[in-house]
C-alpha atoms as a PDB file:
ATOM      1  CA  MET A   1       0.000   0.000   0.000  1.00  0.00           C
ATOM      2  CA  SER A   2       1.397   3.373  -0.961  1.00  0.00           C
ATOM      3  CA  PRO A   3       1.749   6.001   1.786  1.00  0.00           C
ATOM      4  CA  ALA A   4      -1.157   8.395   2.163  1.00  0.00           C
ATOM      5  CA  ALA A   5      -0.789  11.817   0.601  1.00  0.00           C
ATOM      6  CA  PRO A   6      -0.377  14.664   3.071  1.00  0.00           C
ATOM      7  CA  ARG A   7      -3.492  16.683   3.812  1.00  0.00           C
ATOM      8  CA  ASP A   8      -3.976  19.833   1.746  1.00  0.00           C
ATOM      9  CA  LEU A   9      -2.739  22.800   3.796  1.00  0.00           C
ATOM     10  CA  ARG A  10      -4.908  25.185   1.803  1.00  0.00           C
ATOM     11  CA  THR A  11      -7.982  23.598   3.357  1.00  0.00           C
ATOM     12  CA  LEU A  12      -6.618  23.853   6.906  1.00  0.00           C
ATOM     13  CA  PRO A  13      -8.524  26.710   8.607  1.00  0.00           C
ATOM     14  CA  LYS A  14      -6.187  29.296  10.094  1.00  0.00           C
ATOM     15  CA  ALA A  15      -5.815  32.903  11.184  1.00  0.00           C
ATOM     16  CA  HIS A  16      -3.330  35.307   9.613  1.00  0.00           C
ATOM     17  CA  LEU A  17      -1.843  37.732  12.133  1.00  0.00           C
ATOM     18  CA  HIS A  18       1.218  39.135  10.362  1.00  0.00           C
ATOM     19  CA  LEU A  19       0.490  40.700   6.994  1.00  0.00           C
ATOM     20  CA  HIS A  20       1.568  44.203   5.999  1.00  0.00           C
ATOM     21  CA  PHE A  21      -0.720  46.367   3.892  1.00  0.00           C
ATOM     22  CA  THR A  22       1.463  47.204   0.876  1.00  0.00           C
ATOM     23  CA  GLY A  23       3.263  43.892   1.149  1.00  0.00           C
ATOM     24  CA  SER A  24      -0.014  42.023   0.673  1.00  0.00           C
ATOM     25  CA  MET A  25      -0.363  43.303  -2.906  1.00  0.00           C
ATOM     26  CA  ARG A  26      -0.410  40.758  -5.714  1.00  0.00           C
ATOM     27  CA  HIS A  27       2.574  40.992  -8.025  1.00  0.00           C
ATOM     28  CA  ALA A  28       0.280  41.141 -11.053  1.00  0.00           C
ATOM     29  CA  THR A  29      -1.590  44.057  -9.498  1.00  0.00           C
ATOM     30  CA  LEU A  30       1.665  45.913  -8.876  1.00  0.00           C
ATOM     31  CA  LEU A  31       2.636  45.540 -12.530  1.00  0.00           C
ATOM     32  CA  GLU A  32      -0.805  46.566 -13.774  1.00  0.00           C
ATOM     33  CA  LEU A  33      -1.068  49.689 -11.621  1.00  0.00           C
ATOM     34  CA  ALA A  34       2.481  50.755 -12.448  1.00  0.00           C
ATOM     35  CA  GLU A  35       1.806  50.421 -16.167  1.00  0.00           C
ATOM     36  CA  ARG A  36      -1.431  52.380 -15.847  1.00  0.00           C
ATOM     37  CA  ASP A  37       0.343  55.412 -14.369  1.00  0.00           C
ATOM     38  CA  GLY A  38       3.651  55.119 -16.199  1.00  0.00           C
ATOM     39  CA  ILE A  39       5.602  54.237 -13.061  1.00  0.00           C
ATOM     40  CA  ARG A  40       8.941  52.647 -13.831  1.00  0.00           C
ATOM     41  CA  LEU A  41       9.575  49.744 -11.500  1.00  0.00           C
ATOM     42  CA  PRO A  42      13.045  48.402 -10.606  1.00  0.00           C
ATOM     43  CA  GLU A  43      13.907  45.181 -12.370  1.00  0.00           C
ATOM     44  CA  GLN A  44      13.859  43.465  -8.974  1.00  0.00           C
ATOM     45  CA  LEU A  45      10.096  43.987  -8.968  1.00  0.00           C
ATOM     46  CA  VAL A  46       9.617  42.958 -12.605  1.00  0.00           C
ATOM     47  CA  THR A  47      11.861  40.411 -14.315  1.00  0.00           C
ATOM     48  CA  GLU A  48      13.832  39.483 -11.179  1.00  0.00           C
ATOM     49  CA  TRP A  49      10.771  38.970  -8.965  1.00  0.00           C
ATOM     50  CA  PRO A  50      10.756  37.852  -6.208  1.00  0.00           C
ATOM     51  CA  PRO A  51      13.787  40.015  -5.472  1.00  0.00           C
ATOM     52  CA  GLU A  52      17.035  38.889  -3.928  1.00  0.00           C
ATOM     53  CA  LEU A  53      16.997  40.518  -0.503  1.00  0.00           C
ATOM     54  CA  SER A  54      19.123  40.831   2.586  1.00  0.00           C
ATOM     55  CA  ALA A  55      18.899  42.857   5.758  1.00  0.00           C
ATOM     56  CA  ALA A  56      22.227  41.813   7.201  1.00  0.00           C
ATOM     57  CA  ASP A  57      23.213  45.472   7.404  1.00  0.00           C
ATOM     58  CA  GLU A  58      21.554  48.876   7.100  1.00  0.00           C
ATOM     59  CA  LYS A  59      22.354  49.091   3.384  1.00  0.00           C
ATOM     60  CA  GLY A  60      20.533  45.833   2.796  1.00  0.00           C
ATOM     61  CA  TRP A  61      17.501  47.053   4.721  1.00  0.00           C
ATOM     62  CA  PHE A  62      17.595  50.346   2.784  1.00  0.00           C
ATOM     63  CA  ARG A  63      17.372  48.430  -0.507  1.00  0.00           C
ATOM     64  CA  PHE A  64      14.475  46.389   0.868  1.00  0.00           C
ATOM     65  CA  GLN A  65      12.707  49.547   2.075  1.00  0.00           C
ATOM     66  CA  ARG A  66      13.248  51.253  -1.292  1.00  0.00           C
ATOM     67  CA  LEU A  67      11.413  48.431  -3.062  1.00  0.00           C
ATOM     68  CA  TYR A  68       8.634  48.675  -0.509  1.00  0.00           C
ATOM     69  CA  ASP A  69       8.303  52.430  -1.036  1.00  0.00           C
ATOM     70  CA  VAL A  70       8.174  51.994  -4.813  1.00  0.00           C
ATOM     71  CA  ALA A  71       5.406  49.427  -4.425  1.00  0.00           C
ATOM     72  CA  ARG A  72       3.466  51.786  -2.164  1.00  0.00           C
ATOM     73  CA  SER A  73       3.666  54.522  -4.787  1.00  0.00           C
ATOM     74  CA  VAL A  74       1.423  52.634  -7.233  1.00  0.00           C
ATOM     75  CA  LEU A  75      -1.568  53.041  -4.908  1.00  0.00           C
ATOM     76  CA  ARG A  76      -3.042  56.264  -6.280  1.00  0.00           C
ATOM     77  CA  THR A  77      -6.824  56.085  -5.832  1.00  0.00           C
ATOM     78  CA  PRO A  78      -9.393  54.834  -3.299  1.00  0.00           C
ATOM     79  CA  ASP A  79     -10.281  52.078  -5.759  1.00  0.00           C
ATOM     80  CA  ASP A  80      -6.641  50.940  -5.706  1.00  0.00           C
ATOM     81  CA  VAL A  81      -6.837  50.616  -1.922  1.00  0.00           C
ATOM     82  CA  ARG A  82     -10.115  48.731  -2.117  1.00  0.00           C
ATOM     83  CA  ARG A  83      -8.684  46.398  -4.730  1.00  0.00           C
ATOM     84  CA  LEU A  84      -5.606  45.643  -2.628  1.00  0.00           C
ATOM     85  CA  VAL A  85      -7.693  44.804   0.441  1.00  0.00           C
ATOM     86  CA  LEU A  86     -10.147  42.645  -1.512  1.00  0.00           C
ATOM     87  CA  GLU A  87      -7.379  40.710  -3.249  1.00  0.00           C
ATOM     88  CA  ALA A  88      -5.567  40.175   0.067  1.00  0.00           C
ATOM     89  CA  ALA A  89      -8.793  38.756   1.488  1.00  0.00           C
ATOM     90  CA  GLU A  90      -9.348  36.532  -1.548  1.00  0.00           C
ATOM     91  CA  ASP A  91      -5.795  35.204  -1.319  1.00  0.00           C
ATOM     92  CA  ASP A  92      -6.155  34.382   2.368  1.00  0.00           C
ATOM     93  CA  VAL A  93      -9.469  32.601   1.798  1.00  0.00           C
ATOM     94  CA  ARG A  94      -7.818  30.578  -0.972  1.00  0.00           C
ATOM     95  CA  ASP A  95      -5.122  29.588   1.542  1.00  0.00           C
ATOM     96  CA  GLY A  96      -7.585  28.505   4.224  1.00  0.00           C
ATOM     97  CA  GLY A  97      -7.659  31.784   6.109  1.00  0.00           C
ATOM     98  CA  GLY A  98     -10.732  32.486   8.202  1.00  0.00           C
ATOM     99  CA  TRP A  99      -9.471  35.584  10.026  1.00  0.00           C
ATOM    100  CA  LEU A 100      -7.015  38.291   8.952  1.00  0.00           C
ATOM    101  CA  GLU A 101      -5.449  41.136  10.906  1.00  0.00           C
ATOM    102  CA  ILE A 102      -3.837  43.404   8.332  1.00  0.00           C
ATOM    103  CA  GLN A 103      -1.228  45.887   9.535  1.00  0.00           C
ATOM    104  CA  VAL A 104      -0.956  49.413   8.155  1.00  0.00           C
ATOM    105  CA  ASP A 105       0.908  52.652   8.895  1.00  0.00           C
ATOM    106  CA  PRO A 106      -1.523  55.390   7.780  1.00  0.00           C
ATOM    107  CA  SER A 107       1.208  58.040   7.827  1.00  0.00           C
ATOM    108  CA  GLY A 108       2.789  56.390   4.785  1.00  0.00           C
ATOM    109  CA  TYR A 109      -0.328  57.174   2.736  1.00  0.00           C
ATOM    110  CA  ALA A 110      -1.563  60.368   4.383  1.00  0.00           C
ATOM    111  CA  ALA A 111      -0.208  62.843   1.820  1.00  0.00           C
ATOM    112  CA  ARG A 112      -1.990  61.178  -1.081  1.00  0.00           C
ATOM    113  CA  PHE A 113      -5.250  60.272   0.656  1.00  0.00           C
ATOM    114  CA  GLY A 114      -6.173  63.356   2.667  1.00  0.00           C
ATOM    115  CA  GLY A 115      -4.477  62.652   5.983  1.00  0.00           C
ATOM    116  CA  VAL A 116      -4.164  59.768   8.418  1.00  0.00           C
ATOM    117  CA  THR A 117      -7.797  59.869   9.525  1.00  0.00           C
ATOM    118  CA  ALA A 118      -9.208  59.917   6.008  1.00  0.00           C
ATOM    119  CA  PHE A 119      -6.930  57.069   4.967  1.00  0.00           C
ATOM    120  CA  THR A 120      -7.848  55.020   8.035  1.00  0.00           C
ATOM    121  CA  ASP A 121     -11.529  55.531   7.233  1.00  0.00           C
ATOM    122  CA  LEU A 122     -10.868  54.342   3.684  1.00  0.00           C
ATOM    123  CA  VAL A 123      -9.013  51.225   4.820  1.00  0.00           C
ATOM    124  CA  LEU A 124     -11.648  50.292   7.387  1.00  0.00           C
ATOM    125  CA  ASP A 125     -14.402  50.730   4.820  1.00  0.00           C
ATOM    126  CA  ALA A 126     -12.442  48.590   2.340  1.00  0.00           C
ATOM    127  CA  VAL A 127     -11.918  45.931   5.014  1.00  0.00           C
ATOM    128  CA  ALA A 128     -15.615  45.836   5.869  1.00  0.00           C
ATOM    129  CA  SER A 129     -16.533  45.543   2.184  1.00  0.00           C
ATOM    130  CA  ALA A 130     -13.959  42.818   1.487  1.00  0.00           C
ATOM    131  CA  SER A 131     -15.097  40.885   4.540  1.00  0.00           C
ATOM    132  CA  ARG A 132     -18.703  40.946   3.347  1.00  0.00           C
ATOM    133  CA  GLU A 133     -17.725  39.875  -0.167  1.00  0.00           C
ATOM    134  CA  THR A 134     -15.374  37.032   0.783  1.00  0.00           C
ATOM    135  CA  GLY A 135     -16.719  35.878   4.152  1.00  0.00           C
ATOM    136  CA  LEU A 136     -13.278  36.393   5.703  1.00  0.00           C
ATOM    137  CA  GLY A 137     -13.255  37.934   9.174  1.00  0.00           C
ATOM    138  CA  MET A 138     -10.949  40.953   9.107  1.00  0.00           C
ATOM    139  CA  ALA A 139      -9.546  43.635  11.395  1.00  0.00           C
ATOM    140  CA  VAL A 140      -6.803  46.270  11.287  1.00  0.00           C
ATOM    141  CA  VAL A 141      -3.629  46.794  13.300  1.00  0.00           C
ATOM    142  CA  ILE A 142      -2.303  50.351  13.100  1.00  0.00           C
ATOM    143  CA  ALA A 143       1.486  50.396  13.259  1.00  0.00           C
ATOM    144  CA  ALA A 144       3.945  53.215  13.836  1.00  0.00           C
ATOM    145  CA  ASN A 145       7.275  53.437  12.033  1.00  0.00           C
ATOM    146  CA  ARG A 146      10.251  53.214  14.359  1.00  0.00           C
ATOM    147  CA  THR A 147      12.425  55.226  11.962  1.00  0.00           C
ATOM    148  CA  ARG A 148      10.183  58.244  12.580  1.00  0.00           C
ATOM    149  CA  HIS A 149       9.988  60.402  15.726  1.00  0.00           C
ATOM    150  CA  PRO A 150       8.292  58.784  18.752  1.00  0.00           C
ATOM    151  CA  LEU A 151       5.851  61.708  18.830  1.00  0.00           C
ATOM    152  CA  ASP A 152       4.557  60.536  15.446  1.00  0.00           C
ATOM    153  CA  ALA A 153       3.914  57.164  17.049  1.00  0.00           C
ATOM    154  CA  ARG A 154       1.859  58.847  19.775  1.00  0.00           C
ATOM    155  CA  THR A 155      -0.257  60.529  17.105  1.00  0.00           C
ATOM    156  CA  LEU A 156      -0.933  57.142  15.511  1.00  0.00           C
ATOM    157  CA  ALA A 157      -1.645  55.563  18.894  1.00  0.00           C
ATOM    158  CA  ARG A 158      -4.287  58.222  19.577  1.00  0.00           C
ATOM    159  CA  LEU A 159      -5.699  57.564  16.107  1.00  0.00           C
ATOM    160  CA  ALA A 160      -5.828  53.827  16.780  1.00  0.00           C
ATOM    161  CA  ALA A 161      -7.489  54.481  20.145  1.00  0.00           C
ATOM    162  CA  GLN A 162     -10.255  56.451  18.421  1.00  0.00           C
ATOM    163  CA  TYR A 163     -11.060  53.403  16.299  1.00  0.00           C
ATOM    164  CA  ALA A 164     -10.768  50.793  19.056  1.00  0.00           C
ATOM    165  CA  GLY A 165     -13.789  48.546  18.792  1.00  0.00           C
ATOM    166  CA  ARG A 166     -14.573  49.913  15.332  1.00  0.00           C
ATOM    167  CA  GLY A 167     -12.324  47.714  13.225  1.00  0.00           C
ATOM    168  CA  VAL A 168      -8.935  48.476  14.788  1.00  0.00           C
ATOM    169  CA  VAL A 169      -7.812  45.786  17.226  1.00  0.00           C
ATOM    170  CA  GLY A 170      -4.127  46.452  17.816  1.00  0.00           C
ATOM    171  CA  PHE A 171      -1.190  48.840  17.776  1.00  0.00           C
ATOM    172  CA  GLY A 172       2.241  47.906  16.455  1.00  0.00           C
ATOM    173  CA  LEU A 173       5.726  49.206  15.737  1.00  0.00           C
ATOM    174  CA  SER A 174       7.475  48.157  12.537  1.00  0.00           C
ATOM    175  CA  ASN A 175      10.445  48.806  10.227  1.00  0.00           C
ATOM    176  CA  ASP A 176      14.131  48.080  10.970  1.00  0.00           C
ATOM    177  CA  GLU A 177      14.252  47.210  14.657  1.00  0.00           C
ATOM    178  CA  ARG A 178      17.915  48.207  14.766  1.00  0.00           C
ATOM    179  CA  ARG A 179      16.850  51.827  14.239  1.00  0.00           C
ATOM    180  CA  GLY A 180      15.634  54.151  16.956  1.00  0.00           C
ATOM    181  CA  SER A 181      15.275  53.478  20.677  1.00  0.00           C
ATOM    182  CA  THR A 182      12.494  51.082  21.606  1.00  0.00           C
ATOM    183  CA  THR A 183      12.017  52.606  25.051  1.00  0.00           C
ATOM    184  CA  GLU A 184      11.203  55.991  23.484  1.00  0.00           C
ATOM    185  CA  PHE A 185       8.030  54.491  22.026  1.00  0.00           C
ATOM    186  CA  ALA A 186       6.699  53.462  25.428  1.00  0.00           C
ATOM    187  CA  GLY A 187       4.447  56.523  25.606  1.00  0.00           C
ATOM    188  CA  ALA A 188       2.661  55.582  22.395  1.00  0.00           C
ATOM    189  CA  PHE A 189       2.081  52.062  23.642  1.00  0.00           C
ATOM    190  CA  ARG A 190       0.670  53.356  26.937  1.00  0.00           C
ATOM    191  CA  ILE A 191      -1.932  55.297  24.938  1.00  0.00           C
ATOM    192  CA  ALA A 192      -2.852  52.157  23.002  1.00  0.00           C
ATOM    193  CA  GLU A 193      -2.876  50.062  26.169  1.00  0.00           C
ATOM    194  CA  ARG A 194      -5.320  52.429  27.890  1.00  0.00           C
ATOM    195  CA  ALA A 195      -7.603  52.084  24.860  1.00  0.00           C
ATOM    196  CA  GLY A 196      -7.646  48.310  25.256  1.00  0.00           C
ATOM    197  CA  LEU A 197      -5.783  47.624  22.024  1.00  0.00           C
ATOM    198  CA  LEU A 198      -3.555  44.572  21.607  1.00  0.00           C
ATOM    199  CA  LEU A 199       0.109  45.596  21.749  1.00  0.00           C
ATOM    200  CA  VAL A 200       2.002  43.966  18.863  1.00  0.00           C
ATOM    201  CA  PRO A 201       5.447  45.500  18.186  1.00  0.00           C
ATOM    202  CA  HIS A 202       8.032  43.934  15.908  1.00  0.00           C
ATOM    203  CA  GLY A 203      10.957  42.480  17.822  1.00  0.00           C
ATOM    204  CA  GLY A 204      13.341  39.551  17.889  1.00  0.00           C
ATOM    205  CA  GLU A 205      14.028  39.246  14.173  1.00  0.00           C
ATOM    206  CA  LEU A 206      16.831  41.590  13.095  1.00  0.00           C
ATOM    207  CA  ARG A 207      17.825  41.951  16.752  1.00  0.00           C
ATOM    208  CA  GLY A 208      18.184  39.125  19.194  1.00  0.00           C
ATOM    209  CA  ALA A 209      16.579  38.004  22.438  1.00  0.00           C
ATOM    210  CA  ASP A 210      17.692  41.159  24.258  1.00  0.00           C
ATOM    211  CA  HIS A 211      15.308  43.178  22.126  1.00  0.00           C
ATOM    212  CA  VAL A 212      12.467  40.807  22.933  1.00  0.00           C
ATOM    213  CA  THR A 213      13.068  41.689  26.574  1.00  0.00           C
ATOM    214  CA  GLN A 214      12.943  45.405  25.739  1.00  0.00           C
ATOM    215  CA  CYS A 215       9.626  44.962  23.937  1.00  0.00           C
ATOM    216  CA  LEU A 216       8.185  43.143  26.931  1.00  0.00           C
ATOM    217  CA  ASP A 217       9.494  45.623  29.499  1.00  0.00           C
ATOM    218  CA  ALA A 218       9.039  48.957  27.728  1.00  0.00           C
ATOM    219  CA  LEU A 219       6.119  48.286  25.380  1.00  0.00           C
ATOM    220  CA  HIS A 220       4.241  45.591  27.336  1.00  0.00           C
ATOM    221  CA  ALA A 221       4.056  43.483  24.173  1.00  0.00           C
ATOM    222  CA  GLN A 222       1.208  40.976  24.171  1.00  0.00           C
ATOM    223  CA  ARG A 223       2.137  39.520  20.788  1.00  0.00           C
ATOM    224  CA  LEU A 224       5.454  39.908  18.990  1.00  0.00           C
ATOM    225  CA  GLY A 225       5.915  40.538  15.305  1.00  0.00           C
ATOM    226  CA  HIS A 226       8.449  37.784  14.580  1.00  0.00           C
ATOM    227  CA  GLY A 227       9.999  37.167  18.020  1.00  0.00           C
ATOM    228  CA  VAL A 228      11.702  34.119  16.564  1.00  0.00           C
ATOM    229  CA  ARG A 229      15.107  34.954  18.048  1.00  0.00           C
ATOM    230  CA  SER A 230      13.786  34.574  21.569  1.00  0.00           C
ATOM    231  CA  SER A 231      14.942  31.013  20.913  1.00  0.00           C
ATOM    232  CA  GLU A 232      18.534  32.214  21.398  1.00  0.00           C
ATOM    233  CA  ASP A 233      18.088  32.749  25.156  1.00  0.00           C
ATOM    234  CA  PRO A 234      16.245  30.060  27.143  1.00  0.00           C
ATOM    235  CA  ALA A 235      15.449  32.515  29.941  1.00  0.00           C
ATOM    236  CA  VAL A 236      13.858  34.983  27.524  1.00  0.00           C
ATOM    237  CA  LEU A 237      11.951  32.222  25.760  1.00  0.00           C
ATOM    238  CA  ASP A 238      10.698  30.938  29.091  1.00  0.00           C
ATOM    239  CA  ARG A 239       9.480  34.435  29.930  1.00  0.00           C
ATOM    240  CA  VAL A 240       7.670  34.686  26.598  1.00  0.00           C
ATOM    241  CA  VAL A 241       5.988  31.339  27.203  1.00  0.00           C
ATOM    242  CA  SER A 242       5.080  32.127  30.811  1.00  0.00           C
ATOM    243  CA  ALA A 243       3.545  35.465  29.798  1.00  0.00           C
ATOM    244  CA  GLY A 244       1.540  33.860  26.999  1.00  0.00           C
ATOM    245  CA  VAL A 245       3.049  36.190  24.399  1.00  0.00           C
ATOM    246  CA  ALA A 246       2.387  34.815  20.937  1.00  0.00           C
ATOM    247  CA  LEU A 247       5.110  34.935  18.285  1.00  0.00           C
ATOM    248  CA  GLU A 248       4.164  35.862  14.716  1.00  0.00           C
ATOM    249  CA  VAL A 249       6.787  33.773  12.931  1.00  0.00           C
ATOM    250  CA  CYS A 250       7.322  34.443   9.218  1.00  0.00           C
ATOM    251  CA  PRO A 251       9.709  31.749   7.916  1.00  0.00           C
ATOM    252  CA  THR A 252      10.026  32.821   4.282  1.00  0.00           C
ATOM    253  CA  SER A 253      10.867  36.428   5.138  1.00  0.00           C
ATOM    254  CA  ASN A 254      13.316  35.301   7.837  1.00  0.00           C
ATOM    255  CA  VAL A 255      15.321  33.485   5.190  1.00  0.00           C
ATOM    256  CA  ALA A 256      14.907  36.122   2.489  1.00  0.00           C
ATOM    257  CA  LEU A 257      16.251  38.842   4.790  1.00  0.00           C
ATOM    258  CA  GLY A 258      19.203  36.732   5.923  1.00  0.00           C
ATOM    259  CA  VAL A 259      18.091  36.165   9.505  1.00  0.00           C
ATOM    260  CA  TYR A 260      18.513  32.443   8.827  1.00  0.00           C
ATOM    261  CA  SER A 261      20.469  30.794   6.044  1.00  0.00           C
ATOM    262  CA  ASP A 262      17.715  28.378   5.068  1.00  0.00           C
ATOM    263  CA  LEU A 263      14.284  27.172   6.134  1.00  0.00           C
ATOM    264  CA  THR A 264      15.657  24.258   8.153  1.00  0.00           C
ATOM    265  CA  SER A 265      17.443  26.813  10.350  1.00  0.00           C
ATOM    266  CA  VAL A 266      14.231  28.600  11.347  1.00  0.00           C
ATOM    267  CA  PRO A 267      13.963  27.406  14.987  1.00  0.00           C
ATOM    268  CA  LEU A 268      10.286  26.516  14.960  1.00  0.00           C
ATOM    269  CA  PRO A 269      10.853  23.142  16.710  1.00  0.00           C
ATOM    270  CA  THR A 270      12.731  24.901  19.529  1.00  0.00           C
ATOM    271  CA  LEU A 271       9.884  27.361  20.025  1.00  0.00           C
ATOM    272  CA  LEU A 272       7.251  24.635  20.015  1.00  0.00           C
ATOM    273  CA  ALA A 273       9.226  22.384  22.352  1.00  0.00           C
ATOM    274  CA  ALA A 274       9.430  25.260  24.847  1.00  0.00           C
ATOM    275  CA  GLY A 275       5.653  25.668  24.739  1.00  0.00           C
ATOM    276  CA  ALA A 276       5.565  28.937  22.800  1.00  0.00           C
ATOM    277  CA  THR A 277       2.434  30.059  21.008  1.00  0.00           C
ATOM    278  CA  VAL A 278       3.358  30.473  17.342  1.00  0.00           C
ATOM    279  CA  ALA A 279       1.236  32.012  14.584  1.00  0.00           C
ATOM    280  CA  LEU A 280       2.767  31.579  11.144  1.00  0.00           C
ATOM    281  CA  GLY A 281       2.474  34.643   8.890  1.00  0.00           C
ATOM    282  CA  ALA A 282       3.468  35.711   5.380  1.00  0.00           C
ATOM    283  CA  ASP A 283       4.763  39.211   6.290  1.00  0.00           C
ATOM    284  CA  ASP A 284       5.093  40.742   2.781  1.00  0.00           C
ATOM    285  CA  PRO A 285       4.161  38.272   0.013  1.00  0.00           C
ATOM    286  CA  LEU A 286       4.797  40.937  -2.622  1.00  0.00           C
ATOM    287  CA  LEU A 287       8.492  40.972  -1.754  1.00  0.00           C
ATOM    288  CA  PHE A 288       8.990  37.439  -0.462  1.00  0.00           C
ATOM    289  CA  GLY A 289       6.869  35.570  -3.002  1.00  0.00           C
ATOM    290  CA  SER A 290       5.019  33.282  -0.583  1.00  0.00           C
ATOM    291  CA  ARG A 291       1.583  33.601   0.996  1.00  0.00           C
ATOM    292  CA  LEU A 292      -0.053  32.106   4.074  1.00  0.00           C
ATOM    293  CA  ALA A 293      -0.361  28.423   3.138  1.00  0.00           C
ATOM    294  CA  GLY A 294       3.221  28.581   1.875  1.00  0.00           C
ATOM    295  CA  GLN A 295       4.484  29.241   5.406  1.00  0.00           C
ATOM    296  CA  TYR A 296       2.872  26.038   6.637  1.00  0.00           C
ATOM    297  CA  ALA A 297       4.155  24.114   3.619  1.00  0.00           C
ATOM    298  CA  THR A 298       7.749  25.277   4.035  1.00  0.00           C
ATOM    299  CA  MET A 299       7.783  24.403   7.739  1.00  0.00           C
ATOM    300  CA  ARG A 300       6.183  21.031   7.027  1.00  0.00           C
ATOM    301  CA  ALA A 301       8.937  20.242   4.543  1.00  0.00           C
ATOM    302  CA  ALA A 302      11.848  21.776   6.460  1.00  0.00           C
ATOM    303  CA  HIS A 303      11.028  20.173   9.812  1.00  0.00           C
ATOM    304  CA  GLU A 304       8.959  17.137   8.751  1.00  0.00           C
ATOM    305  CA  LEU A 305       5.991  18.379  10.757  1.00  0.00           C
ATOM    306  CA  SER A 306       3.080  16.014  11.274  1.00  0.00           C
ATOM    307  CA  ASP A 307      -0.468  16.998  10.446  1.00  0.00           C
ATOM    308  CA  ASP A 308      -1.171  17.052  14.193  1.00  0.00           C
ATOM    309  CA  THR A 309       1.541  19.672  14.677  1.00  0.00           C
ATOM    310  CA  LEU A 310       0.340  21.703  11.701  1.00  0.00           C
ATOM    311  CA  ALA A 311      -3.198  21.611  13.068  1.00  0.00           C
ATOM    312  CA  GLU A 312      -1.940  22.823  16.430  1.00  0.00           C
ATOM    313  CA  LEU A 313      -0.096  25.685  14.714  1.00  0.00           C
ATOM    314  CA  ALA A 314      -3.385  26.649  13.094  1.00  0.00           C
ATOM    315  CA  ARG A 315      -5.171  26.441  16.453  1.00  0.00           C
ATOM    316  CA  MET A 316      -2.549  28.684  18.039  1.00  0.00           C
ATOM    317  CA  SER A 317      -3.004  31.268  15.294  1.00  0.00           C
ATOM    318  CA  VAL A 318      -6.723  31.360  16.046  1.00  0.00           C
ATOM    319  CA  ARG A 319      -6.281  31.541  19.811  1.00  0.00           C
ATOM    320  CA  ALA A 320      -3.738  34.351  19.508  1.00  0.00           C
ATOM    321  CA  SER A 321      -6.034  36.379  17.274  1.00  0.00           C
ATOM    322  CA  CYS A 322      -8.557  39.079  18.104  1.00  0.00           C
ATOM    323  CA  ALA A 323     -11.303  37.186  16.283  1.00  0.00           C
ATOM    324  CA  PRO A 324     -14.766  37.188  17.895  1.00  0.00           C
ATOM    325  CA  SER A 325     -15.666  34.075  19.839  1.00  0.00           C
ATOM    326  CA  ASP A 326     -18.023  32.728  17.171  1.00  0.00           C
ATOM    327  CA  VAL A 327     -15.329  33.030  14.490  1.00  0.00           C
ATOM    328  CA  ARG A 328     -12.801  31.338  16.756  1.00  0.00           C
ATOM    329  CA  GLN A 329     -15.123  28.450  17.481  1.00  0.00           C
ATOM    330  CA  ARG A 330     -15.937  27.970  13.809  1.00  0.00           C
ATOM    331  CA  LEU A 331     -12.258  27.902  12.861  1.00  0.00           C
ATOM    332  CA  LEU A 332     -11.273  25.585  15.704  1.00  0.00           C
ATOM    333  CA  SER A 333     -14.054  23.178  14.748  1.00  0.00           C
ATOM    334  CA  GLY A 334     -12.882  23.344  11.141  1.00  0.00           C
ATOM    335  CA  ILE A 335      -9.343  22.469  12.205  1.00  0.00           C
ATOM    336  CA  ASP A 336     -10.631  19.413  14.082  1.00  0.00           C
ATOM    337  CA  ASP A 337     -12.585  18.385  10.993  1.00  0.00           C
ATOM    338  CA  TRP A 338      -9.494  18.811   8.797  1.00  0.00           C
ATOM    339  CA  LEU A 339      -7.498  16.569  11.071  1.00  0.00           C
ATOM    340  CA  ALA A 340     -10.259  13.975  11.372  1.00  0.00           C
ATOM    341  CA  ALA A 341     -10.770  13.685   7.624  1.00  0.00           C
ATOM    342  CA  PRO A 342      -8.983  10.878   5.764  1.00  0.00           C
ATOM    343  CA  ASP A 343      -5.546  11.960   4.572  1.00  0.00           C
END
């Protein structure tokens, strides 16, 4: 008897907790919008896509950020924004997603779309529309940019607080974590914390376990964008586990940016063995070339994960999410059904 085929990971229900707004764009959409407006794209985003990337040093991150900024520039109209959000939802549904928390920095779009408030209104309206059309539960995480002044982060935290309970569920801090001083953003996170928002800064990817500690101490992180390098210090990892802080691990981007040399080096087994809550995420599919189901597939192949382990990863993504209780229950039941079905 031949061995059974592995279960289809695209039918495994899951939540997606680490997806950046611009980075969620389809490559075909990027090309189409650029052609429409006569925007010349770097070859890395055309014939050499997905691009060869590295963030081993600041120059490498600058090149990565430049590509990201070019991609952002093709979003010119409200319909472009609505299209991006709808296509991101469609792609997640195709990959088994039942809940998506999409992360956006409104200040990066404010000049073109009438300010941070107007842009946030547009995104939330697009999210509500896409959710109705696709059936995907969706929410927004507003994120500050750590390369900008901490006072800008406070402005965004107050903005996020205004929308708490109205589509915005969390407040984050993104961009190169080697830039700026994490402790200087504590004030912004206090504003978000008082509003009852989930605190989800990036940390523990380009910097090591010491920065995870800073995010916990100064920002009161409840979930960590990446956090994968907490594996480098057992004491820090134990603290993460004890505090119930979920780690949004993005394997493909970890390798693409040079954090790890290959997918087998991503320390997912170490995190799971320690009892960490891990939610696999795609980060920026536009630049890394792999979407949600691809993260599960790469970890299955790299670490020979069983379907039981993959199902538990999906369960952890749901439990770590801000999804309403009925959505959580539906997804958790779907995961049990996926595992119970013949392989």
